[in-house]
Amino acid sequence: MLYSDSSQKFYIGETNNLESRISKHQNHFYSNSFTKIAEDWKIVLTFDCIDREEAIYLENFIKRMKSKTFNNKIIADPSILKDILFKRKS
C-alpha cells in the first residue's frame, strides 16, 4: 500500500518485486495509472502472501472497503489481514 501526502490518497496493489514496482510508479512508467496524480508516493504497508491468488484477494478486499479509516487500521495493525485470510479459508 502506498500513500501520497500531496493527494492524500492511497494506492493498493500487488507485486512480486516491490522495488521495481515502486520505481515504475514514481517514474510514471504506467501511463494510465492512478499513481500519476502524485510524485510523493511512499510505502505505508507491505504484506507477504503465500501466492498471487492470496495477494489479489487481499488487494480486492481492501479496494472494496473504499475506506481511509480501514486502510489506517490495517497500517496500524497488519494482523487484521491475517484474520481476513483466515476467515476466507474457514
Protein backbone atom coordinates (compact mmCIF):
# COMPACT_ATOMS: atom_id res chain seq x y z
CA MET A 1 0.00 0.00 0.00
CA LEU A 2 1.29 3.40 -0.98
CA TYR A 3 0.25 6.81 0.29
CA SER A 4 0.69 10.28 -1.16
CA ASP A 5 0.68 13.23 1.22
CA SER A 6 0.09 15.70 -1.60
CA SER A 7 -3.02 13.93 -2.92
CA GLN A 8 -4.00 12.38 0.42
CA LYS A 9 -4.78 9.16 -1.43
CA PHE A 10 -3.89 5.51 -1.03
CA TYR A 11 -2.83 3.16 -3.78
CA ILE A 12 -3.32 -0.58 -3.25
CA GLY A 13 -1.54 -3.07 -5.47
CA GLU A 14 0.28 -6.37 -5.58
CA THR A 15 3.69 -7.30 -6.91
CA ASN A 16 6.45 -9.84 -6.53
CA ASN A 17 9.12 -7.15 -6.97
CA LEU A 18 8.37 -4.20 -4.69
CA GLU A 19 11.41 -2.05 -5.52
CA SER A 20 10.83 -2.29 -9.27
CA ARG A 21 7.12 -1.56 -8.93
CA ILE A 22 7.70 1.50 -6.73
CA SER A 23 10.29 2.83 -9.14
CA LYS A 24 7.92 2.41 -12.07
CA HIS A 25 5.13 4.24 -10.24
CA GLN A 26 7.43 7.08 -9.16
CA ASN A 27 8.66 7.49 -12.74
CA HIS A 28 5.14 7.26 -14.24
CA PHE A 29 6.01 4.15 -16.24
CA TYR A 30 2.33 3.16 -16.24
CA SER A 31 0.83 5.92 -18.41
CA ASN A 32 -2.79 5.35 -17.37
CA SER A 33 -2.04 4.56 -13.75
CA PHE A 34 -3.83 6.17 -10.83
CA THR A 35 -0.42 6.93 -9.31
CA LYS A 36 0.37 9.56 -11.94
CA ILE A 37 -1.68 12.04 -9.85
CA ALA A 38 1.28 12.50 -7.46
CA GLU A 39 5.03 12.14 -7.19
CA ASP A 40 5.43 11.64 -3.45
CA TRP A 41 4.22 8.05 -3.05
CA LYS A 42 5.67 6.23 -0.06
CA ILE A 43 5.24 2.69 1.16
CA VAL A 44 2.98 2.59 4.19
CA LEU A 45 2.25 -1.15 4.29
CA THR A 46 3.64 -4.34 2.85
CA PHE A 47 2.19 -7.77 3.49
CA ASP A 48 3.69 -11.06 2.35
CA CYS A 49 1.25 -13.54 0.86
CA ILE A 50 1.64 -17.25 0.16
CA ASP A 51 0.82 -16.80 -3.54
CA ARG A 52 -0.55 -14.32 -6.07
CA GLU A 53 -4.12 -15.54 -5.59
CA GLU A 54 -3.97 -14.60 -1.92
CA ALA A 55 -2.42 -11.21 -2.77
CA ILE A 56 -5.11 -10.41 -5.33
CA TYR A 57 -7.83 -11.46 -2.88
CA LEU A 58 -6.49 -9.02 -0.25
CA GLU A 59 -5.97 -6.27 -2.82
CA ASN A 60 -9.58 -6.57 -3.97
CA PHE A 61 -10.89 -6.83 -0.40
CA ILE A 62 -9.12 -3.61 0.62
CA LYS A 63 -10.27 -1.80 -2.53
CA ARG A 64 -13.89 -2.90 -1.96
CA MET A 65 -13.78 -1.34 1.51
CA LYS A 66 -13.18 2.11 -0.05
CA SER A 67 -12.25 3.40 3.38
CA LYS A 68 -9.32 5.53 4.53
CA THR A 69 -10.29 4.54 8.09
CA PHE A 70 -9.94 0.85 7.23
CA ASN A 71 -6.64 1.50 5.44
CA ASN A 72 -5.28 3.28 8.51
CA LYS A 73 -6.45 0.41 10.75
CA ILE A 74 -4.58 -2.22 8.73
CA ILE A 75 -1.50 0.00 8.58
CA ALA A 76 -1.59 0.24 12.39
CA ASP A 77 -2.34 -3.49 12.77
CA PRO A 78 -1.46 -5.65 9.73
CA SER A 79 -2.59 -8.78 11.60
CA ILE A 80 -6.11 -7.78 10.52
CA LEU A 81 -5.11 -9.01 7.05
CA LYS A 82 -4.19 -12.41 8.51
CA ASP A 83 -7.65 -12.57 10.10
CA ILE A 84 -9.30 -11.73 6.79
CA LEU A 85 -7.39 -14.53 5.05
CA PHE A 86 -8.18 -16.98 7.85
CA LYS A 87 -11.91 -16.21 7.63
CA ARG A 88 -11.75 -16.69 3.87
CA LYS A 89 -10.48 -20.24 4.31
CA SER A 90 -12.98 -21.14 7.03
